[in-house]
Amino acid sequence: MPDPLLAAPLSPLSLPHAVEDELCGLAASSDALILGEIHGTREVPRLVLGLLDRLQQHGYGILALEVPHSQEAMLLKWTRGEESMPPPFFSNPSGDGRGNLEVLSLAREAARPG
């Protein structure tokens, strides 16, 4: 049985409206928006989740994550519900903060239809 924490929905982190408007304005005038973080930062995936709908309105439809190429297909299958366990990058993460549950939950939320 899968660990229930791995399927827990992520709660979005909201920015002040003025900051979100500035960020979305920048995104609207750009071909790509890259948000970086120190590995393991839990707030950035929640922030990105809170921006997904507005970014989609500006034509963004792809979320890129720092995941080993060898694990990409497994992650995509897990986000679509075709696998019960996420790839080892997330189910057995390294100690450097990559592969945290928030990034995993963001991947699943971003892959949901609509």
N, C-alpha and C. Protein backbone atom coordinates (compact mmCIF):
# COMPACT_ATOMS: atom_id res chain seq x y z
N MET A 1 0.85 -1.18 0.00
CA MET A 1 0.00 0.00 0.00
C MET A 1 0.89 1.24 0.00
N PRO A 2 0.59 2.24 -0.86
CA PRO A 2 1.43 3.43 -0.91
C PRO A 2 1.34 4.26 0.37
N ASP A 3 2.42 4.93 0.65
CA ASP A 3 2.46 5.83 1.80
C ASP A 3 1.47 6.97 1.57
N PRO A 4 0.51 7.21 2.48
CA PRO A 4 -0.49 8.25 2.26
C PRO A 4 0.12 9.65 2.15
N LEU A 5 1.29 9.88 2.73
CA LEU A 5 1.93 11.19 2.61
C LEU A 5 2.30 11.50 1.18
N LEU A 6 2.61 10.46 0.40
CA LEU A 6 3.03 10.69 -0.97
C LEU A 6 1.89 11.14 -1.87
N ALA A 7 0.67 10.95 -1.45
CA ALA A 7 -0.47 11.35 -2.26
C ALA A 7 -1.19 12.57 -1.67
N ALA A 8 -0.66 13.10 -0.58
CA ALA A 8 -1.32 14.24 0.07
C ALA A 8 -1.28 15.46 -0.84
N PRO A 9 -2.43 16.12 -0.98
CA PRO A 9 -2.42 17.33 -1.80
C PRO A 9 -1.59 18.43 -1.16
N LEU A 10 -1.01 19.23 -1.98
CA LEU A 10 -0.17 20.34 -1.54
C LEU A 10 -1.04 21.58 -1.40
N SER A 11 -0.86 22.33 -0.33
CA SER A 11 -1.62 23.57 -0.19
C SER A 11 -0.81 24.72 -0.80
N PRO A 12 -1.45 25.52 -1.66
CA PRO A 12 -0.71 26.61 -2.31
C PRO A 12 -0.30 27.69 -1.32
N LEU A 13 0.80 28.32 -1.63
CA LEU A 13 1.30 29.46 -0.86
C LEU A 13 1.02 30.71 -1.69
N SER A 14 0.29 31.64 -1.12
CA SER A 14 -0.10 32.85 -1.85
C SER A 14 0.92 33.96 -1.63
N LEU A 15 1.13 34.72 -2.69
CA LEU A 15 1.94 35.93 -2.62
C LEU A 15 1.02 37.12 -2.41
N PRO A 16 1.53 38.23 -1.90
CA PRO A 16 0.72 39.45 -1.91
C PRO A 16 0.31 39.75 -3.36
N HIS A 17 -0.90 40.28 -3.55
CA HIS A 17 -1.43 40.50 -4.90
C HIS A 17 -0.50 41.32 -5.78
N ALA A 18 0.10 42.37 -5.24
CA ALA A 18 0.99 43.21 -6.04
C ALA A 18 2.21 42.43 -6.53
N VAL A 19 2.75 41.58 -5.68
CA VAL A 19 3.92 40.77 -6.04
C VAL A 19 3.52 39.74 -7.09
N GLU A 20 2.39 39.07 -6.89
CA GLU A 20 1.92 38.09 -7.87
C GLU A 20 1.66 38.75 -9.22
N ASP A 21 1.06 39.94 -9.21
CA ASP A 21 0.81 40.66 -10.46
C ASP A 21 2.10 41.00 -11.18
N GLU A 22 3.12 41.44 -10.44
CA GLU A 22 4.42 41.75 -11.04
C GLU A 22 5.06 40.50 -11.65
N LEU A 23 5.02 39.41 -10.92
CA LEU A 23 5.61 38.16 -11.39
C LEU A 23 4.88 37.66 -12.64
N CYS A 24 3.55 37.71 -12.62
CA CYS A 24 2.78 37.26 -13.77
C CYS A 24 2.96 38.20 -14.96
N GLY A 25 3.16 39.49 -14.70
CA GLY A 25 3.47 40.43 -15.78
C GLY A 25 4.80 40.10 -16.43
N LEU A 26 5.78 39.76 -15.62
CA LEU A 26 7.08 39.34 -16.14
C LEU A 26 6.92 38.06 -16.96
N ALA A 27 6.15 37.12 -16.45
CA ALA A 27 5.92 35.86 -17.16
C ALA A 27 5.23 36.11 -18.49
N ALA A 28 4.27 37.03 -18.52
CA ALA A 28 3.52 37.32 -19.75
C ALA A 28 4.42 37.90 -20.83
N SER A 29 5.48 38.59 -20.43
CA SER A 29 6.37 39.21 -21.41
C SER A 29 7.62 38.37 -21.68
N SER A 30 7.62 37.14 -21.21
CA SER A 30 8.79 36.26 -21.34
C SER A 30 8.39 34.95 -22.00
N ASP A 31 9.39 34.28 -22.57
CA ASP A 31 9.15 32.96 -23.17
C ASP A 31 9.25 31.84 -22.14
N ALA A 32 9.91 32.11 -21.03
CA ALA A 32 10.08 31.11 -19.97
C ALA A 32 10.18 31.82 -18.64
N LEU A 33 9.73 31.16 -17.61
CA LEU A 33 9.85 31.67 -16.25
C LEU A 33 10.56 30.59 -15.45
N ILE A 34 11.69 30.94 -14.87
CA ILE A 34 12.48 29.98 -14.11
C ILE A 34 12.53 30.44 -12.66
N LEU A 35 12.04 29.59 -11.78
CA LEU A 35 12.08 29.85 -10.35
C LEU A 35 13.04 28.85 -9.72
N GLY A 36 14.02 29.33 -9.02
CA GLY A 36 14.98 28.44 -8.41
C GLY A 36 14.85 28.48 -6.89
N GLU A 37 15.51 27.54 -6.25
CA GLU A 37 15.46 27.47 -4.80
C GLU A 37 16.62 26.64 -4.30
N ILE A 38 16.91 26.78 -3.05
CA ILE A 38 17.88 25.91 -2.40
C ILE A 38 17.21 24.54 -2.27
N HIS A 39 17.93 23.49 -2.61
CA HIS A 39 17.34 22.15 -2.55
C HIS A 39 16.68 21.92 -1.20
N GLY A 40 15.45 21.42 -1.28
CA GLY A 40 14.73 21.08 -0.08
C GLY A 40 13.81 22.16 0.44
N THR A 41 13.84 23.35 -0.20
CA THR A 41 12.95 24.43 0.24
C THR A 41 11.51 23.99 -0.01
N ARG A 42 10.73 23.96 1.02
CA ARG A 42 9.36 23.45 0.93
C ARG A 42 8.37 24.50 0.42
N GLU A 43 8.70 25.77 0.57
CA GLU A 43 7.76 26.82 0.18
C GLU A 43 7.69 27.03 -1.34
N VAL A 44 8.78 26.82 -2.06
CA VAL A 44 8.79 27.10 -3.50
C VAL A 44 7.79 26.23 -4.26
N PRO A 45 7.72 24.92 -4.03
CA PRO A 45 6.68 24.14 -4.72
C PRO A 45 5.27 24.63 -4.40
N ARG A 46 5.04 25.05 -3.17
CA ARG A 46 3.71 25.59 -2.80
C ARG A 46 3.45 26.92 -3.52
N LEU A 47 4.49 27.75 -3.65
CA LEU A 47 4.37 29.01 -4.37
C LEU A 47 4.05 28.76 -5.84
N VAL A 48 4.77 27.83 -6.46
CA VAL A 48 4.52 27.50 -7.87
C VAL A 48 3.10 26.98 -8.05
N LEU A 49 2.65 26.13 -7.15
CA LEU A 49 1.28 25.62 -7.23
C LEU A 49 0.28 26.77 -7.23
N GLY A 50 0.50 27.75 -6.38
CA GLY A 50 -0.39 28.89 -6.31
C GLY A 50 -0.39 29.75 -7.57
N LEU A 51 0.65 29.63 -8.38
CA LEU A 51 0.77 30.43 -9.61
C LEU A 51 0.33 29.69 -10.87
N LEU A 52 0.14 28.38 -10.79
CA LEU A 52 -0.10 27.58 -12.00
C LEU A 52 -1.27 28.09 -12.84
N ASP A 53 -2.40 28.38 -12.22
CA ASP A 53 -3.57 28.82 -12.99
C ASP A 53 -3.30 30.13 -13.72
N ARG A 54 -2.70 31.09 -13.04
CA ARG A 54 -2.42 32.38 -13.69
C ARG A 54 -1.37 32.22 -14.78
N LEU A 55 -0.37 31.40 -14.55
CA LEU A 55 0.65 31.20 -15.58
C LEU A 55 0.05 30.51 -16.80
N GLN A 56 -0.87 29.60 -16.58
CA GLN A 56 -1.52 28.93 -17.71
C GLN A 56 -2.30 29.95 -18.55
N GLN A 57 -2.88 30.94 -17.92
CA GLN A 57 -3.60 31.99 -18.65
C GLN A 57 -2.67 32.80 -19.55
N HIS A 58 -1.38 32.80 -19.23
CA HIS A 58 -0.39 33.51 -20.04
C HIS A 58 0.30 32.58 -21.03
N GLY A 59 -0.25 31.39 -21.22
CA GLY A 59 0.29 30.46 -22.22
C GLY A 59 1.28 29.44 -21.71
N TYR A 60 1.54 29.43 -20.42
CA TYR A 60 2.47 28.45 -19.87
C TYR A 60 1.74 27.12 -19.70
N GLY A 61 2.36 26.04 -20.17
CA GLY A 61 1.72 24.74 -20.07
C GLY A 61 2.68 23.63 -19.70
N ILE A 62 3.90 24.00 -19.33
CA ILE A 62 4.92 23.00 -18.99
C ILE A 62 5.54 23.38 -17.65
N LEU A 63 5.71 22.38 -16.81
CA LEU A 63 6.42 22.55 -15.54
C LEU A 63 7.67 21.68 -15.61
N ALA A 64 8.82 22.29 -15.52
CA ALA A 64 10.09 21.55 -15.53
C ALA A 64 10.57 21.38 -14.10
N LEU A 65 11.00 20.18 -13.78
CA LEU A 65 11.51 19.88 -12.45
C LEU A 65 12.90 19.28 -12.56
N GLU A 66 13.71 19.49 -11.56
CA GLU A 66 15.05 18.90 -11.54
C GLU A 66 14.94 17.47 -10.99
N VAL A 67 14.84 16.54 -11.94
CA VAL A 67 14.69 15.12 -11.63
C VAL A 67 15.64 14.36 -12.54
N PRO A 68 16.34 13.35 -12.04
CA PRO A 68 17.22 12.59 -12.91
C PRO A 68 16.46 12.04 -14.13
N HIS A 69 17.09 12.13 -15.29
CA HIS A 69 16.46 11.68 -16.53
C HIS A 69 15.98 10.22 -16.42
N SER A 70 16.75 9.41 -15.73
CA SER A 70 16.40 7.99 -15.60
C SER A 70 15.09 7.78 -14.82
N GLN A 71 14.63 8.79 -14.11
CA GLN A 71 13.43 8.67 -13.28
C GLN A 71 12.21 9.37 -13.91
N GLU A 72 12.42 10.08 -15.00
CA GLU A 72 11.36 10.89 -15.61
C GLU A 72 10.14 10.06 -16.00
N ALA A 73 10.33 8.97 -16.71
CA ALA A 73 9.20 8.15 -17.16
C ALA A 73 8.43 7.59 -15.95
N MET A 74 9.16 7.16 -14.93
CA MET A 74 8.49 6.64 -13.73
C MET A 74 7.66 7.73 -13.06
N LEU A 75 8.19 8.95 -13.01
CA LEU A 75 7.46 10.06 -12.39
C LEU A 75 6.19 10.38 -13.18
N LEU A 76 6.29 10.41 -14.49
CA LEU A 76 5.11 10.68 -15.32
C LEU A 76 4.04 9.60 -15.12
N LYS A 77 4.45 8.35 -15.06
CA LYS A 77 3.48 7.28 -14.80
C LYS A 77 2.82 7.45 -13.44
N TRP A 78 3.60 7.82 -12.44
CA TRP A 78 3.04 8.00 -11.10
C TRP A 78 2.06 9.17 -11.09
N THR A 79 2.39 10.28 -11.74
CA THR A 79 1.48 11.43 -11.74
C THR A 79 0.16 11.10 -12.43
N ARG A 80 0.19 10.18 -13.38
CA ARG A 80 -1.05 9.78 -14.09
C ARG A 80 -1.78 8.66 -13.37
N GLY A 81 -1.24 8.19 -12.25
CA GLY A 81 -1.89 7.12 -11.50
C GLY A 81 -1.63 5.74 -12.06
N GLU A 82 -0.65 5.61 -12.94
CA GLU A 82 -0.32 4.32 -13.55
C GLU A 82 0.65 3.51 -12.70
N GLU A 83 1.25 4.14 -11.72
CA GLU A 83 2.16 3.48 -10.77
C GLU A 83 1.71 3.87 -9.36
N SER A 84 1.80 2.93 -8.43
CA SER A 84 1.37 3.22 -7.06
C SER A 84 2.46 3.91 -6.25
N MET A 85 3.71 3.72 -6.62
CA MET A 85 4.82 4.33 -5.89
C MET A 85 5.59 5.27 -6.81
N PRO A 86 6.01 6.40 -6.29
CA PRO A 86 6.83 7.31 -7.10
C PRO A 86 8.22 6.72 -7.31
N PRO A 87 8.99 7.30 -8.22
CA PRO A 87 10.34 6.77 -8.46
C PRO A 87 11.22 6.89 -7.22
N PRO A 88 12.30 6.12 -7.18
CA PRO A 88 13.20 6.11 -6.02
C PRO A 88 13.75 7.50 -5.67
N PHE A 89 13.87 8.39 -6.65
CA PHE A 89 14.34 9.75 -6.37
C PHE A 89 13.49 10.40 -5.29
N PHE A 90 12.21 10.04 -5.23
CA PHE A 90 11.29 10.59 -4.23
C PHE A 90 11.00 9.61 -3.10
N SER A 91 10.87 8.34 -3.41
CA SER A 91 10.52 7.38 -2.37
C SER A 91 11.72 7.03 -1.48
N ASN A 92 12.93 7.31 -1.98
CA ASN A 92 14.14 7.07 -1.21
C ASN A 92 15.10 8.23 -1.50
N PRO A 93 14.73 9.47 -1.09
CA PRO A 93 15.49 10.66 -1.50
C PRO A 93 16.88 10.72 -0.87
N SER A 94 17.74 11.50 -1.55
CA SER A 94 19.08 11.73 -1.02
C SER A 94 18.99 12.70 0.15
N GLY A 95 20.05 12.88 0.85
CA GLY A 95 20.05 13.77 2.01
C GLY A 95 20.27 15.23 1.67
N ASP A 96 20.38 15.57 0.36
CA ASP A 96 20.67 16.96 -0.01
C ASP A 96 19.44 17.83 -0.20
N GLY A 97 18.25 17.28 0.09
CA GLY A 97 17.04 18.08 -0.01
C GLY A 97 16.28 17.92 -1.31
N ARG A 98 16.92 17.33 -2.32
CA ARG A 98 16.20 17.10 -3.57
C ARG A 98 15.25 15.93 -3.37
N GLY A 99 14.21 15.89 -4.17
CA GLY A 99 13.27 14.78 -4.08
C GLY A 99 12.35 14.88 -2.89
N ASN A 100 12.05 16.11 -2.43
CA ASN A 100 11.19 16.24 -1.26
C ASN A 100 9.72 16.03 -1.63
N LEU A 101 8.91 15.79 -0.64
CA LEU A 101 7.49 15.48 -0.85
C LEU A 101 6.72 16.64 -1.48
N GLU A 102 7.13 17.86 -1.20
CA GLU A 102 6.44 19.01 -1.78
C GLU A 102 6.61 19.06 -3.29
N VAL A 103 7.80 18.78 -3.78
CA VAL A 103 8.03 18.73 -5.23
C VAL A 103 7.22 17.59 -5.84
N LEU A 104 7.19 16.47 -5.17
CA LEU A 104 6.42 15.33 -5.65
C LEU A 104 4.93 15.67 -5.72
N SER A 105 4.42 16.30 -4.68
CA SER A 105 3.01 16.69 -4.69
C SER A 105 2.73 17.74 -5.76
N LEU A 106 3.65 18.67 -5.97
CA LEU A 106 3.49 19.66 -7.04
C LEU A 106 3.39 18.97 -8.39
N ALA A 107 4.24 17.98 -8.62
CA ALA A 107 4.19 17.25 -9.90
C ALA A 107 2.82 16.63 -10.11
N ARG A 108 2.29 16.01 -9.08
CA ARG A 108 0.97 15.37 -9.22
C ARG A 108 -0.12 16.42 -9.44
N GLU A 109 -0.09 17.51 -8.69
CA GLU A 109 -1.11 18.56 -8.83
C GLU A 109 -1.04 19.19 -10.22
N ALA A 110 0.16 19.43 -10.71
CA ALA A 110 0.33 20.06 -12.03
C ALA A 110 -0.12 19.14 -13.15
N ALA A 111 -0.07 17.84 -12.94
CA ALA A 111 -0.46 16.89 -13.97
C ALA A 111 -1.95 16.62 -13.99
N ARG A 112 -2.69 17.08 -13.00
CA ARG A 112 -4.13 16.84 -12.96
C ARG A 112 -4.80 17.52 -14.15
N PRO A 113 -5.78 16.86 -14.75
CA PRO A 113 -6.52 17.49 -15.86
C PRO A 113 -7.18 18.79 -15.40
N GLY A 114 -7.16 19.79 -16.30
CA GLY A 114 -7.80 21.07 -16.00
C GLY A 114 -6.90 21.98 -15.25
